[in-house]
C-alpha atoms as a PDB file:
ATOM      1  CA  MET A   1     102.516  76.618  62.648  1.00  0.00           C
ATOM      2  CA  ASN A   2     100.422  78.790  60.303  1.00  0.00           C
ATOM      3  CA  LYS A   3     103.542  80.223  58.590  1.00  0.00           C
ATOM      4  CA  GLU A   4     101.618  82.876  57.267  1.00  0.00           C
ATOM      5  CA  ILE A   5     101.215  84.416  60.333  1.00  0.00           C
ATOM      6  CA  THR A   6     104.348  83.670  62.251  1.00  0.00           C
ATOM      7  CA  THR A   7     106.285  85.162  58.526  1.00  0.00           C
ATOM      8  CA  LYS A   8     104.127  88.901  59.955  1.00  0.00           C
ATOM      9  CA  TRP A   9     104.863  88.849  63.377  1.00  0.00           C
ATOM     10  CA  ASN A  10     108.553  88.385  62.246  1.00  0.00           C
ATOM     11  CA  THR A  11     108.532  90.763  59.807  1.00  0.00           C
ATOM     12  CA  ARG A  12     106.831  93.088  62.118  1.00  0.00           C
ATOM     13  CA  TYR A  13     109.578  92.534  65.403  1.00  0.00           C
ATOM     14  CA  SER A  14     112.596  92.287  62.731  1.00  0.00           C
ATOM     15  CA  THR A  15     112.276  96.296  62.782  1.00  0.00           C
ATOM     16  CA  ALA A  16     110.896  97.095  65.808  1.00  0.00           C
ATOM     17  CA  GLN A  17     113.021  99.581  68.035  1.00  0.00           C
ATOM     18  CA  GLY A  18     113.883 100.541  71.210  1.00  0.00           C
ATOM     19  CA  GLU A  19     112.690  98.621  74.619  1.00  0.00           C
ATOM     20  CA  ALA A  20     109.313  96.973  74.738  1.00  0.00           C
ATOM     21  CA  THR A  21     107.304  98.303  77.380  1.00  0.00           C
ATOM     22  CA  ALA A  22     105.025  96.518  80.282  1.00  0.00           C
ATOM     23  CA  CYS A  23     101.300  96.498  79.103  1.00  0.00           C
ATOM     24  CA  TYR A  24      98.902  98.946  81.527  1.00  0.00           C
ATOM     25  CA  ALA A  25      97.531  96.226  83.455  1.00  0.00           C
ATOM     26  CA  LEU A  26     100.800  94.799  84.990  1.00  0.00           C
ATOM     27  CA  ARG A  27     102.516  98.393  84.937  1.00  0.00           C
ATOM     28  CA  GLU A  28      99.151  99.675  87.206  1.00  0.00           C
ATOM     29  CA  PHE A  29      98.844  96.876  89.630  1.00  0.00           C
ATOM     30  CA  THR A  30     102.657  95.781  89.529  1.00  0.00           C
ATOM     31  CA  HIS A  31     101.968  95.945  93.781  1.00  0.00           C
ATOM     32  CA  LEU A  32      99.407  92.587  93.395  1.00  0.00           C
ATOM     33  CA  LEU A  33     103.189  90.048  91.736  1.00  0.00           C
ATOM     34  CA  PRO A  34     104.098  88.082  94.413  1.00  0.00           C
ATOM     35  CA  LYS A  35     107.139  88.241  95.910  1.00  0.00           C
ATOM     36  CA  GLU A  36     109.004  84.171  94.475  1.00  0.00           C
ATOM     37  CA  GLY A  37     107.235  82.580  91.926  1.00  0.00           C
ATOM     38  CA  THR A  38     107.259  81.665  88.242  1.00  0.00           C
ATOM     39  CA  ALA A  39     105.788  83.728  85.645  1.00  0.00           C
ATOM     40  CA  LEU A  40     104.430  83.270  82.044  1.00  0.00           C
ATOM     41  CA  ASP A  41     104.082  85.774  79.244  1.00  0.00           C
ATOM     42  CA  LEU A  42     102.229  84.408  77.440  1.00  0.00           C
ATOM     43  CA  ALA A  43     102.450  85.464  73.443  1.00  0.00           C
ATOM     44  CA  CYS A  44     105.129  87.535  74.795  1.00  0.00           C
ATOM     45  CA  GLY A  45     106.067  89.815  71.134  1.00  0.00           C
ATOM     46  CA  ARG A  46     108.801  91.980  72.769  1.00  0.00           C
ATOM     47  CA  GLY A  47     108.727  90.316  75.665  1.00  0.00           C
ATOM     48  CA  GLY A  48     108.178  93.909  77.539  1.00  0.00           C
ATOM     49  CA  ASN A  49     106.073  91.945  80.724  1.00  0.00           C
ATOM     50  CA  ALA A  50     108.034  89.198  80.534  1.00  0.00           C
ATOM     51  CA  LEU A  51     111.495  91.905  81.551  1.00  0.00           C
ATOM     52  CA  LEU A  52     109.124  93.710  84.209  1.00  0.00           C
ATOM     53  CA  LEU A  53     108.080  90.136  85.519  1.00  0.00           C
ATOM     54  CA  ALA A  54     112.027  89.185  85.866  1.00  0.00           C
ATOM     55  CA  ARG A  55     112.867  92.436  87.537  1.00  0.00           C
ATOM     56  CA  HIS A  56     110.515  91.438  89.525  1.00  0.00           C
ATOM     57  CA  GLY A  57     112.117  88.668  90.396  1.00  0.00           C
ATOM     58  CA  LEU A  58     109.789  85.652  89.669  1.00  0.00           C
ATOM     59  CA  GLN A  59     111.087  83.001  87.166  1.00  0.00           C
ATOM     60  CA  THR A  60     109.645  84.327  83.906  1.00  0.00           C
ATOM     61  CA  GLN A  61     109.131  81.555  81.225  1.00  0.00           C
ATOM     62  CA  ALA A  62     107.850  83.716  77.318  1.00  0.00           C
ATOM     63  CA  TRP A  63     106.156  82.300  74.540  1.00  0.00           C
ATOM     64  CA  ASP A  64     105.472  83.375  71.101  1.00  0.00           C
ATOM     65  CA  LEU A  65     105.767  81.976  67.685  1.00  0.00           C
ATOM     66  CA  SER A  66     107.821  84.960  66.383  1.00  0.00           C
ATOM     67  CA  SER A  67     111.300  83.582  66.993  1.00  0.00           C
ATOM     68  CA  VAL A  68     112.084  86.772  65.861  1.00  0.00           C
ATOM     69  CA  ALA A  69     110.874  88.429  69.000  1.00  0.00           C
ATOM     70  CA  ILE A  70     112.182  85.338  70.828  1.00  0.00           C
ATOM     71  CA  GLU A  71     116.164  85.465  69.562  1.00  0.00           C
ATOM     72  CA  GLN A  72     115.513  89.812  70.834  1.00  0.00           C
ATOM     73  CA  LEU A  73     113.895  88.591  73.970  1.00  0.00           C
ATOM     74  CA  GLN A  74     116.595  86.128  75.316  1.00  0.00           C
ATOM     75  CA  THR A  75     119.463  88.283  74.161  1.00  0.00           C
ATOM     76  CA  ILE A  76     118.418  91.087  76.338  1.00  0.00           C
ATOM     77  CA  ALA A  77     117.298  89.243  79.188  1.00  0.00           C
ATOM     78  CA  GLU A  78     121.387  87.552  78.911  1.00  0.00           C
ATOM     79  CA  GLU A  79     122.517  91.175  78.445  1.00  0.00           C
ATOM     80  CA  GLN A  80     120.574  92.110  81.577  1.00  0.00           C
ATOM     81  CA  GLU A  81     121.476  88.807  83.845  1.00  0.00           C
ATOM     82  CA  LEU A  82     117.300  88.328  83.761  1.00  0.00           C
ATOM     83  CA  ASN A  83     115.584  85.119  84.983  1.00  0.00           C
ATOM     84  CA  ILE A  84     113.947  84.650  80.869  1.00  0.00           C
ATOM     85  CA  GLN A  85     113.109  81.704  79.737  1.00  0.00           C
ATOM     86  CA  ALA A  86     112.121  82.456  75.945  1.00  0.00           C
ATOM     87  CA  SER A  87     111.490  80.130  73.416  1.00  0.00           C
ATOM     88  CA  VAL A  88     108.972  79.712  70.271  1.00  0.00           C
ATOM     89  CA  HIS A  89     105.408  78.295  71.202  1.00  0.00           C
ATOM     90  CA  ASP A  90     102.147  77.875  69.331  1.00  0.00           C
ATOM     91  CA  VAL A  91      99.680  77.587  72.900  1.00  0.00           C
ATOM     92  CA  GLU A  92      97.220  77.024  70.208  1.00  0.00           C
ATOM     93  CA  GLN A  93      98.820  73.492  69.410  1.00  0.00           C
ATOM     94  CA  GLU A  94     100.595  72.911  73.035  1.00  0.00           C
ATOM     95  CA  PRO A  95      98.776  72.751  75.842  1.00  0.00           C
ATOM     96  CA  LEU A  96      99.073  74.684  79.277  1.00  0.00           C
ATOM     97  CA  PRO A  97     100.340  72.495  81.518  1.00  0.00           C
ATOM     98  CA  ALA A  98      98.583  72.515  84.594  1.00  0.00           C
ATOM     99  CA  ASN A  99      98.935  74.565  88.001  1.00  0.00           C
ATOM    100  CA  SER A 100     102.654  75.277  86.758  1.00  0.00           C
ATOM    101  CA  PHE A 101     102.494  78.917  87.373  1.00  0.00           C
ATOM    102  CA  ASP A 102     101.579  81.765  89.788  1.00  0.00           C
ATOM    103  CA  VAL A 103     101.458  84.517  87.462  1.00  0.00           C
ATOM    104  CA  ILE A 104     100.102  84.005  83.765  1.00  0.00           C
ATOM    105  CA  VAL A 105     100.163  87.678  81.651  1.00  0.00           C
ATOM    106  CA  VAL A 106      98.560  87.949  78.384  1.00  0.00           C
ATOM    107  CA  SER A 107      98.700  91.146  76.507  1.00  0.00           C
ATOM    108  CA  TYR A 108      96.927  92.282  72.535  1.00  0.00           C
ATOM    109  CA  PHE A 109      96.667  88.404  72.445  1.00  0.00           C
ATOM    110  CA  LEU A 110      92.676  86.952  72.026  1.00  0.00           C
ATOM    111  CA  GLU A 111      92.426  82.906  71.634  1.00  0.00           C
ATOM    112  CA  ARG A 112      88.683  82.750  73.345  1.00  0.00           C
ATOM    113  CA  THR A 113      89.189  78.380  73.376  1.00  0.00           C
ATOM    114  CA  LEU A 114      92.527  79.109  76.085  1.00  0.00           C
ATOM    115  CA  ALA A 115      90.410  80.867  79.233  1.00  0.00           C
ATOM    116  CA  ALA A 116      89.971  77.206  80.557  1.00  0.00           C
ATOM    117  CA  GLY A 117      93.336  76.144  79.351  1.00  0.00           C
ATOM    118  CA  LEU A 118      95.090  79.236  81.390  1.00  0.00           C
ATOM    119  CA  MET A 119      92.841  78.861  84.683  1.00  0.00           C
ATOM    120  CA  SER A 120      93.719  75.047  84.771  1.00  0.00           C
ATOM    121  CA  ALA A 121      98.002  76.385  83.879  1.00  0.00           C
ATOM    122  CA  LEU A 122      97.128  78.804  87.286  1.00  0.00           C
ATOM    123  CA  LYS A 123      99.038  77.579  90.894  1.00  0.00           C
ATOM    124  CA  PRO A 124      96.324  77.939  93.619  1.00  0.00           C
ATOM    125  CA  ASP A 125      96.604  81.542  94.536  1.00  0.00           C
ATOM    126  CA  GLY A 126      98.104  82.686  91.370  1.00  0.00           C
ATOM    127  CA  LEU A 127      97.182  85.728  89.120  1.00  0.00           C
ATOM    128  CA  LEU A 128      96.031  86.319  85.596  1.00  0.00           C
ATOM    129  CA  PHE A 129      97.185  89.840  84.054  1.00  0.00           C
ATOM    130  CA  TYR A 130      94.780  89.817  80.710  1.00  0.00           C
ATOM    131  CA  GLU A 131      94.115  92.714  78.838  1.00  0.00           C
ATOM    132  CA  THR A 132      93.253  92.903  75.258  1.00  0.00           C
ATOM    133  CA  PHE A 133      90.967  95.148  72.943  1.00  0.00           C
ATOM    134  CA  ILE A 134      86.927  95.537  72.643  1.00  0.00           C
ATOM    135  CA  SER A 135      84.619  96.069  70.156  1.00  0.00           C
ATOM    136  CA  GLU A 136      83.323  99.493  71.696  1.00  0.00           C
ATOM    137  CA  LYS A 137      86.489 101.669  70.916  1.00  0.00           C
ATOM    138  CA  PRO A 138      87.013 104.613  69.309  1.00  0.00           C
ATOM    139  CA  GLU A 139      87.173 104.523  65.177  1.00  0.00           C
ATOM    140  CA  GLY A 140      90.469 103.901  63.896  1.00  0.00           C
ATOM    141  CA  VAL A 141      92.646 102.039  67.112  1.00  0.00           C
ATOM    142  CA  GLY A 142      93.709  98.598  67.383  1.00  0.00           C
ATOM    143  CA  PRO A 143      92.300  95.518  64.769  1.00  0.00           C
ATOM    144  CA  SER A 144      89.257  95.624  63.313  1.00  0.00           C
ATOM    145  CA  ASN A 145      88.853  91.834  62.889  1.00  0.00           C
ATOM    146  CA  PRO A 146      85.973  91.626  65.784  1.00  0.00           C
ATOM    147  CA  ASP A 147      87.720  87.645  65.975  1.00  0.00           C
ATOM    148  CA  TYR A 148      90.596  89.977  67.878  1.00  0.00           C
ATOM    149  CA  LEU A 149      87.818  91.881  69.621  1.00  0.00           C
ATOM    150  CA  LEU A 150      86.154  91.443  72.741  1.00  0.00           C
ATOM    151  CA  GLY A 151      82.438  91.840  73.278  1.00  0.00           C
ATOM    152  CA  GLU A 152      80.695  94.354  76.618  1.00  0.00           C
ATOM    153  CA  ASN A 153      81.464  91.864  78.805  1.00  0.00           C
ATOM    154  CA  GLU A 154      82.893  88.940  77.305  1.00  0.00           C
ATOM    155  CA  LEU A 155      86.525  88.733  79.031  1.00  0.00           C
ATOM    156  CA  LEU A 156      84.851  88.541  82.490  1.00  0.00           C
ATOM    157  CA  ARG A 157      82.395  85.835  81.600  1.00  0.00           C
ATOM    158  CA  LEU A 158      85.805  84.067  80.346  1.00  0.00           C
ATOM    159  CA  PHE A 159      87.122  83.774  83.067  1.00  0.00           C
ATOM    160  CA  SER A 160      84.262  83.812  85.529  1.00  0.00           C
ATOM    161  CA  ASP A 161      85.993  80.955  87.559  1.00  0.00           C
ATOM    162  CA  LEU A 162      88.447  83.475  88.723  1.00  0.00           C
ATOM    163  CA  HIS A 163      87.715  86.341  91.694  1.00  0.00           C
ATOM    164  CA  VAL A 164      88.238  89.380  90.062  1.00  0.00           C
ATOM    165  CA  LEU A 165      91.076  92.224  91.253  1.00  0.00           C
ATOM    166  CA  ALA A 166      90.380  94.403  89.010  1.00  0.00           C
ATOM    167  CA  TYR A 167      88.346  95.288  85.787  1.00  0.00           C
ATOM    168  CA  ARG A 168      87.874  97.603  83.919  1.00  0.00           C
ATOM    169  CA  GLU A 169      86.197  98.342  79.994  1.00  0.00           C
ATOM    170  CA  GLU A 170      85.593 101.979  79.122  1.00  0.00           C
ATOM    171  CA  GLY A 171      84.608 101.500  76.087  1.00  0.00           C
ATOM    172  CA  LEU A 172      82.890 105.139  74.478  1.00  0.00           C
ATOM    173  CA  ILE A 173      81.378 106.013  77.457  1.00  0.00           C
ATOM    174  CA  GLY A 174      82.329 110.724  78.176  1.00  0.00           C
ATOM    175  CA  ASP A 175      85.367 111.921  77.156  1.00  0.00           C
ATOM    176  CA  VAL A 176      87.579 109.720  75.309  1.00  0.00           C
ATOM    177  CA  GLU A 177      90.526 110.833  74.532  1.00  0.00           C
ATOM    178  CA  GLN A 178      91.319 109.708  78.679  1.00  0.00           C
ATOM    179  CA  GLY A 179      91.769 106.788  79.617  1.00  0.00           C
ATOM    180  CA  GLN A 180      92.477 102.939  77.956  1.00  0.00           C
ATOM    181  CA  ARG A 181      89.949 103.531  75.431  1.00  0.00           C
ATOM    182  CA  ASN A 182      90.378 100.414  73.509  1.00  0.00           C
ATOM    183  CA  VAL A 183      90.731  97.881  75.673  1.00  0.00           C
ATOM    184  CA  ALA A 184      89.285  95.634  78.219  1.00  0.00           C
ATOM    185  CA  ILE A 185      91.689  95.534  81.684  1.00  0.00           C
ATOM    186  CA  LEU A 186      91.299  91.800  84.398  1.00  0.00           C
ATOM    187  CA  VAL A 187      93.661  91.595  86.873  1.00  0.00           C
ATOM    188  CA  ALA A 188      91.908  87.450  88.232  1.00  0.00           C
ATOM    189  CA  GLN A 189      93.738  85.126  91.099  1.00  0.00           C
ATOM    190  CA  LYS A 190      92.149  81.566  90.946  1.00  0.00           C
ATOM    191  CA  ARG A 191      91.172  80.174  94.624  1.00  0.00           C
ATOM    192  CA  ILE A 192      90.568  77.503  95.974  1.00  0.00           C
END
């Protein structure tokens, strides 16, 4: 694990307040979730996605580099009696197990080399909810490092083997004060 990155996120999460919320893609398309099954909140941070998934009735795993975030999430899960197994994982070093999850959620984390592994980790008919930053966004919003910004329709290309159920990438068209301007949102299914 990269100690510098782990320290950065541990520091950030140690001062975080309130309960985390799920990403827009998952909140907007909750109705597509299966009634039962297994889910993964990858690079979960404080676990807003994991909490929604578990409340929906899914057996949920939540992985992150930050031990601080994982401890906070595990405490909330235990207090609320939610089926969440939170653990420290470096997904770049530990491959995802194939055909393991009915649902995978990734929000605000981009490691392009993981796309094939994410698709492989989905069970047949499994769903991927992905939301992260794009390069065509209002100034001063989100990260500036191009390594963490998707190009135009890049999310569609990365997951082109999946069946698209919903896609949104608004960029700078029209009234940039409304809508989801700094992210691309994908909901897709693994069909065999």
